[in-house]
Amino acid sequence: MKRLYSATLNSLRGLGYALRYEAAVREEAILLVIGALLGVFIAPSVAWYVAMVGSLLILLAVELLNTAVEKLADYVTLERHVEIRRIKDFGSAAVFCALCLTGLIWLAAIALRYGFL
């Protein structure tokens, strides 16, 4: 039980740091809150709502991982290094993929809800 408590505190502390210091994380957290509220009215079913909000959570998780990789890379060296740049670009590409998935899910839900599909 103590391990679960400690893990929860660590997670909340990390989320707090990210929300305080990282604009991209703040933007995606705001998107999650707005999406959770709007999804109630847009989602064609409960399963769709879970997919819609779940995709926003995945997007936030990928952004947090990308932020962690970037912070670690900056900690290792602040010099311009081609391999570090590639690593950061990989993280950025992962965020882009998560954004595309989120967009597809939301567009499909909207199209289904309003009779376009």
N, C-alpha and C. Protein backbone atom coordinates (compact mmCIF):
# COMPACT_ATOMS: atom_id res chain seq x y z
N MET A 1 0.82 -1.19 0.00
CA MET A 1 0.00 0.00 0.00
C MET A 1 0.87 1.26 0.00
N LYS A 2 1.99 1.20 0.74
CA LYS A 2 2.89 2.35 0.80
C LYS A 2 3.49 2.63 -0.57
N ARG A 3 3.82 1.57 -1.32
CA ARG A 3 4.38 1.73 -2.66
C ARG A 3 3.38 2.40 -3.58
N LEU A 4 2.13 2.02 -3.53
CA LEU A 4 1.09 2.63 -4.35
C LEU A 4 0.91 4.10 -3.99
N TYR A 5 0.96 4.41 -2.71
CA TYR A 5 0.85 5.78 -2.24
C TYR A 5 2.02 6.62 -2.76
N SER A 6 3.23 6.08 -2.65
CA SER A 6 4.42 6.79 -3.12
C SER A 6 4.39 6.98 -4.64
N ALA A 7 3.98 5.96 -5.35
CA ALA A 7 3.89 6.06 -6.81
C ALA A 7 2.88 7.12 -7.22
N THR A 8 1.77 7.18 -6.51
CA THR A 8 0.75 8.19 -6.81
C THR A 8 1.29 9.59 -6.56
N LEU A 9 1.98 9.78 -5.44
CA LEU A 9 2.58 11.09 -5.14
C LEU A 9 3.60 11.49 -6.21
N ASN A 10 4.43 10.54 -6.62
CA ASN A 10 5.43 10.83 -7.65
C ASN A 10 4.75 11.24 -8.96
N SER A 11 3.70 10.53 -9.33
CA SER A 11 2.97 10.84 -10.56
C SER A 11 2.33 12.23 -10.50
N LEU A 12 1.71 12.53 -9.38
CA LEU A 12 1.07 13.84 -9.23
C LEU A 12 2.10 14.97 -9.20
N ARG A 13 3.26 14.71 -8.59
CA ARG A 13 4.32 15.71 -8.57
C ARG A 13 4.84 15.96 -9.98
N GLY A 14 5.03 14.90 -10.75
CA GLY A 14 5.48 15.04 -12.13
C GLY A 14 4.47 15.78 -12.98
N LEU A 15 3.21 15.46 -12.81
CA LEU A 15 2.15 16.16 -13.55
C LEU A 15 2.12 17.64 -13.15
N GLY A 16 2.28 17.91 -11.87
CA GLY A 16 2.31 19.30 -11.40
C GLY A 16 3.46 20.08 -12.00
N TYR A 17 4.66 19.49 -12.03
CA TYR A 17 5.81 20.15 -12.64
C TYR A 17 5.52 20.45 -14.11
N ALA A 18 5.02 19.44 -14.80
CA ALA A 18 4.77 19.60 -16.23
C ALA A 18 3.73 20.69 -16.50
N LEU A 19 2.69 20.71 -15.70
CA LEU A 19 1.65 21.73 -15.89
C LEU A 19 2.19 23.13 -15.60
N ARG A 20 3.07 23.23 -14.62
CA ARG A 20 3.63 24.53 -14.25
C ARG A 20 4.64 25.06 -15.27
N TYR A 21 5.47 24.17 -15.81
CA TYR A 21 6.62 24.62 -16.58
C TYR A 21 6.57 24.31 -18.08
N GLU A 22 5.62 23.54 -18.54
CA GLU A 22 5.60 23.12 -19.95
C GLU A 22 4.30 23.56 -20.63
N ALA A 23 4.43 24.50 -21.56
CA ALA A 23 3.26 25.05 -22.25
C ALA A 23 2.48 23.97 -23.02
N ALA A 24 3.19 23.08 -23.70
CA ALA A 24 2.51 22.05 -24.49
C ALA A 24 1.67 21.14 -23.59
N VAL A 25 2.18 20.80 -22.43
CA VAL A 25 1.44 19.96 -21.48
C VAL A 25 0.20 20.71 -20.99
N ARG A 26 0.36 21.99 -20.67
CA ARG A 26 -0.80 22.80 -20.24
C ARG A 26 -1.87 22.84 -21.32
N GLU A 27 -1.45 23.07 -22.56
CA GLU A 27 -2.41 23.13 -23.67
C GLU A 27 -3.17 21.82 -23.82
N GLU A 28 -2.46 20.71 -23.73
CA GLU A 28 -3.11 19.42 -23.90
C GLU A 28 -3.96 19.05 -22.69
N ALA A 29 -3.59 19.50 -21.52
CA ALA A 29 -4.43 19.28 -20.33
C ALA A 29 -5.73 20.07 -20.44
N ILE A 30 -5.63 21.30 -20.94
CA ILE A 30 -6.84 22.11 -21.16
C ILE A 30 -7.72 21.44 -22.21
N LEU A 31 -7.09 20.93 -23.28
CA LEU A 31 -7.83 20.21 -24.31
C LEU A 31 -8.53 18.98 -23.73
N LEU A 32 -7.88 18.30 -22.81
CA LEU A 32 -8.48 17.13 -22.15
C LEU A 32 -9.71 17.53 -21.35
N VAL A 33 -9.62 18.60 -20.58
CA VAL A 33 -10.77 19.05 -19.78
C VAL A 33 -11.93 19.46 -20.68
N ILE A 34 -11.62 20.26 -21.69
CA ILE A 34 -12.67 20.70 -22.63
C ILE A 34 -13.25 19.50 -23.37
N GLY A 35 -12.37 18.59 -23.81
CA GLY A 35 -12.83 17.40 -24.52
C GLY A 35 -13.71 16.50 -23.66
N ALA A 36 -13.36 16.36 -22.39
CA ALA A 36 -14.18 15.53 -21.49
C ALA A 36 -15.57 16.11 -21.34
N LEU A 37 -15.66 17.43 -21.31
CA LEU A 37 -16.97 18.09 -21.19
C LEU A 37 -17.74 18.04 -22.51
N LEU A 38 -17.09 18.42 -23.61
CA LEU A 38 -17.76 18.42 -24.92
C LEU A 38 -18.12 17.01 -25.38
N GLY A 39 -17.28 16.06 -25.03
CA GLY A 39 -17.51 14.69 -25.44
C GLY A 39 -18.84 14.14 -24.99
N VAL A 40 -19.33 14.62 -23.86
CA VAL A 40 -20.65 14.18 -23.36
C VAL A 40 -21.73 14.48 -24.39
N PHE A 41 -21.61 15.59 -25.07
CA PHE A 41 -22.63 16.01 -26.04
C PHE A 41 -22.35 15.49 -27.44
N ILE A 42 -21.10 15.21 -27.75
CA ILE A 42 -20.73 14.82 -29.11
C ILE A 42 -20.73 13.30 -29.28
N ALA A 43 -20.30 12.58 -28.28
CA ALA A 43 -20.10 11.14 -28.41
C ALA A 43 -21.40 10.42 -28.77
N PRO A 44 -21.36 9.58 -29.80
CA PRO A 44 -22.55 8.82 -30.19
C PRO A 44 -22.96 7.76 -29.16
N SER A 45 -22.02 7.32 -28.33
CA SER A 45 -22.30 6.30 -27.32
C SER A 45 -21.25 6.40 -26.21
N VAL A 46 -21.46 5.62 -25.18
CA VAL A 46 -20.49 5.59 -24.07
C VAL A 46 -19.14 5.08 -24.56
N ALA A 47 -19.15 4.07 -25.41
CA ALA A 47 -17.89 3.54 -25.94
C ALA A 47 -17.14 4.60 -26.73
N TRP A 48 -17.85 5.38 -27.52
CA TRP A 48 -17.22 6.47 -28.25
C TRP A 48 -16.67 7.51 -27.29
N TYR A 49 -17.39 7.82 -26.25
CA TYR A 49 -16.91 8.80 -25.26
C TYR A 49 -15.60 8.32 -24.64
N VAL A 50 -15.55 7.06 -24.29
CA VAL A 50 -14.33 6.50 -23.70
C VAL A 50 -13.17 6.59 -24.70
N ALA A 51 -13.44 6.28 -25.97
CA ALA A 51 -12.40 6.38 -26.99
C ALA A 51 -11.94 7.82 -27.19
N MET A 52 -12.88 8.75 -27.19
CA MET A 52 -12.56 10.16 -27.40
C MET A 52 -11.71 10.72 -26.26
N VAL A 53 -12.15 10.49 -25.04
CA VAL A 53 -11.40 10.99 -23.89
C VAL A 53 -10.11 10.18 -23.73
N GLY A 54 -10.17 8.90 -24.00
CA GLY A 54 -8.97 8.06 -23.94
C GLY A 54 -7.89 8.53 -24.90
N SER A 55 -8.30 8.95 -26.09
CA SER A 55 -7.31 9.44 -27.05
C SER A 55 -6.65 10.72 -26.55
N LEU A 56 -7.40 11.55 -25.86
CA LEU A 56 -6.81 12.77 -25.27
C LEU A 56 -5.85 12.43 -24.14
N LEU A 57 -6.18 11.41 -23.36
CA LEU A 57 -5.27 10.96 -22.30
C LEU A 57 -3.98 10.38 -22.89
N ILE A 58 -4.11 9.63 -23.97
CA ILE A 58 -2.93 9.08 -24.63
C ILE A 58 -2.07 10.21 -25.18
N LEU A 59 -2.71 11.21 -25.78
CA LEU A 59 -1.98 12.37 -26.29
C LEU A 59 -1.19 13.05 -25.17
N LEU A 60 -1.83 13.24 -24.03
CA LEU A 60 -1.15 13.86 -22.89
C LEU A 60 0.01 12.99 -22.40
N ALA A 61 -0.20 11.67 -22.37
CA ALA A 61 0.86 10.76 -21.93
C ALA A 61 2.06 10.80 -22.87
N VAL A 62 1.79 10.82 -24.17
CA VAL A 62 2.88 10.88 -25.15
C VAL A 62 3.62 12.21 -25.02
N GLU A 63 2.89 13.29 -24.80
CA GLU A 63 3.52 14.60 -24.61
C GLU A 63 4.40 14.61 -23.36
N LEU A 64 3.94 13.99 -22.29
CA LEU A 64 4.75 13.91 -21.07
C LEU A 64 6.02 13.10 -21.31
N LEU A 65 5.91 12.00 -22.03
CA LEU A 65 7.10 11.21 -22.35
C LEU A 65 8.06 11.99 -23.24
N ASN A 66 7.52 12.70 -24.22
CA ASN A 66 8.36 13.54 -25.08
C ASN A 66 9.08 14.61 -24.27
N THR A 67 8.35 15.23 -23.35
CA THR A 67 8.95 16.24 -22.50
C THR A 67 10.07 15.64 -21.65
N ALA A 68 9.85 14.45 -21.12
CA ALA A 68 10.88 13.79 -20.32
C ALA A 68 12.13 13.51 -21.14
N VAL A 69 11.95 13.04 -22.37
CA VAL A 69 13.09 12.76 -23.25
C VAL A 69 13.84 14.06 -23.55
N GLU A 70 13.11 15.13 -23.85
CA GLU A 70 13.76 16.41 -24.16
C GLU A 70 14.52 16.96 -22.95
N LYS A 71 13.92 16.87 -21.77
CA LYS A 71 14.60 17.35 -20.57
C LYS A 71 15.86 16.54 -20.29
N LEU A 72 15.77 15.23 -20.47
CA LEU A 72 16.94 14.38 -20.27
C LEU A 72 18.03 14.71 -21.28
N ALA A 73 17.65 14.90 -22.52
CA ALA A 73 18.63 15.24 -23.56
C ALA A 73 19.31 16.57 -23.24
N ASP A 74 18.53 17.54 -22.79
CA ASP A 74 19.11 18.84 -22.42
C ASP A 74 20.02 18.72 -21.20
N TYR A 75 19.69 17.80 -20.32
CA TYR A 75 20.53 17.59 -19.13
C TYR A 75 21.88 16.98 -19.53
N VAL A 76 21.84 16.07 -20.49
CA VAL A 76 23.05 15.40 -20.93
C VAL A 76 24.00 16.40 -21.59
N THR A 77 23.46 17.23 -22.48
CA THR A 77 24.29 18.24 -23.14
C THR A 77 23.41 19.35 -23.70
N LEU A 78 23.87 20.57 -23.56
CA LEU A 78 23.18 21.71 -24.15
C LEU A 78 23.77 22.05 -25.52
N GLU A 79 24.85 21.37 -25.89
CA GLU A 79 25.46 21.58 -27.20
C GLU A 79 24.53 21.08 -28.30
N ARG A 80 24.67 21.69 -29.47
CA ARG A 80 23.95 21.19 -30.64
C ARG A 80 24.62 19.88 -31.06
N HIS A 81 23.83 18.84 -31.10
CA HIS A 81 24.35 17.52 -31.45
C HIS A 81 23.33 16.86 -32.36
N VAL A 82 23.80 16.33 -33.50
CA VAL A 82 22.87 15.79 -34.49
C VAL A 82 22.05 14.62 -33.93
N GLU A 83 22.65 13.77 -33.12
CA GLU A 83 21.91 12.62 -32.57
C GLU A 83 20.87 13.06 -31.54
N ILE A 84 21.21 14.04 -30.72
CA ILE A 84 20.25 14.57 -29.75
C ILE A 84 19.06 15.19 -30.50
N ARG A 85 19.37 15.92 -31.57
CA ARG A 85 18.30 16.52 -32.37
C ARG A 85 17.38 15.45 -32.94
N ARG A 86 17.95 14.37 -33.43
CA ARG A 86 17.14 13.27 -33.98
C ARG A 86 16.26 12.66 -32.89
N ILE A 87 16.82 12.46 -31.72
CA ILE A 87 16.06 11.89 -30.61
C ILE A 87 14.87 12.79 -30.27
N LYS A 88 15.12 14.08 -30.21
CA LYS A 88 14.04 15.02 -29.93
C LYS A 88 13.00 15.01 -31.05
N ASP A 89 13.46 14.89 -32.29
CA ASP A 89 12.53 14.82 -33.42
C ASP A 89 11.68 13.55 -33.37
N PHE A 90 12.26 12.45 -32.90
CA PHE A 90 11.48 11.21 -32.74
C PHE A 90 10.34 11.43 -31.74
N GLY A 91 10.66 12.09 -30.65
CA GLY A 91 9.62 12.39 -29.65
C GLY A 91 8.54 13.28 -30.21
N SER A 92 8.96 14.27 -30.97
CA SER A 92 8.00 15.18 -31.60
C SER A 92 7.11 14.42 -32.59
N ALA A 93 7.70 13.50 -33.33
CA ALA A 93 6.93 12.69 -34.28
C ALA A 93 5.91 11.81 -33.55
N ALA A 94 6.29 11.31 -32.39
CA ALA A 94 5.36 10.50 -31.59
C ALA A 94 4.16 11.34 -31.15
N VAL A 95 4.40 12.57 -30.74
CA VAL A 95 3.31 13.48 -30.37
C VAL A 95 2.43 13.75 -31.58
N PHE A 96 3.04 13.95 -32.74
CA PHE A 96 2.27 14.19 -33.96
C PHE A 96 1.37 13.00 -34.28
N CYS A 97 1.89 11.79 -34.13
CA CYS A 97 1.08 10.58 -34.37
C CYS A 97 -0.10 10.51 -33.40
N ALA A 98 0.15 10.83 -32.14
CA ALA A 98 -0.92 10.83 -31.14
C ALA A 98 -1.96 11.90 -31.47
N LEU A 99 -1.52 13.06 -31.95
CA LEU A 99 -2.45 14.11 -32.37
C LEU A 99 -3.31 13.64 -33.54
N CYS A 100 -2.69 12.98 -34.50
CA CYS A 100 -3.44 12.45 -35.65
C CYS A 100 -4.48 11.42 -35.21
N LEU A 101 -4.09 10.52 -34.33
CA LEU A 101 -5.04 9.52 -33.81
C LEU A 101 -6.20 10.20 -33.11
N THR A 102 -5.90 11.17 -32.27
CA THR A 102 -6.95 11.89 -31.55
C THR A 102 -7.88 12.59 -32.53
N GLY A 103 -7.31 13.25 -33.52
CA GLY A 103 -8.13 13.93 -34.52
C GLY A 103 -9.02 12.97 -35.28
N LEU A 104 -8.48 11.82 -35.67
CA LEU A 104 -9.28 10.83 -36.39
C LEU A 104 -10.45 10.32 -35.55
N ILE A 105 -10.18 10.03 -34.31
CA ILE A 105 -11.24 9.53 -33.43
C ILE A 105 -12.33 10.58 -33.25
N TRP A 106 -11.93 11.82 -32.99
CA TRP A 106 -12.91 12.88 -32.78
C TRP A 106 -13.69 13.19 -34.06
N LEU A 107 -13.01 13.21 -35.21
CA LEU A 107 -13.72 13.45 -36.47
C LEU A 107 -14.70 12.34 -36.78
N ALA A 108 -14.31 11.10 -36.55
CA ALA A 108 -15.21 9.97 -36.78
C ALA A 108 -16.42 10.04 -35.86
N ALA A 109 -16.20 10.39 -34.60
CA ALA A 109 -17.32 10.50 -33.65
C ALA A 109 -18.28 11.61 -34.06
N ILE A 110 -17.73 12.75 -34.46
CA ILE A 110 -18.57 13.88 -34.89
C ILE A 110 -19.33 13.50 -36.16
N ALA A 111 -18.66 12.86 -37.10
CA ALA A 111 -19.33 12.46 -38.34
C ALA A 111 -20.44 11.46 -38.07
N LEU A 112 -20.21 10.53 -37.18
CA LEU A 112 -21.24 9.54 -36.84
C LEU A 112 -22.40 10.19 -36.09
N ARG A 113 -22.08 11.05 -35.16
CA ARG A 113 -23.11 11.72 -34.35
C ARG A 113 -24.04 12.59 -35.19
N TYR A 114 -23.47 13.29 -36.16
CA TYR A 114 -24.26 14.24 -36.94
C TYR A 114 -24.63 13.72 -38.32
N GLY A 115 -24.54 12.40 -38.51
CA GLY A 115 -25.09 11.77 -39.69
C GLY A 115 -24.25 11.85 -40.96
N PHE A 116 -22.96 12.13 -40.84
CA PHE A 116 -22.11 12.16 -42.02
C PHE A 116 -21.61 10.78 -42.38
N LEU A 117 -21.72 9.84 -41.46
CA LEU A 117 -21.29 8.45 -41.72
C LEU A 117 -22.47 7.51 -41.59
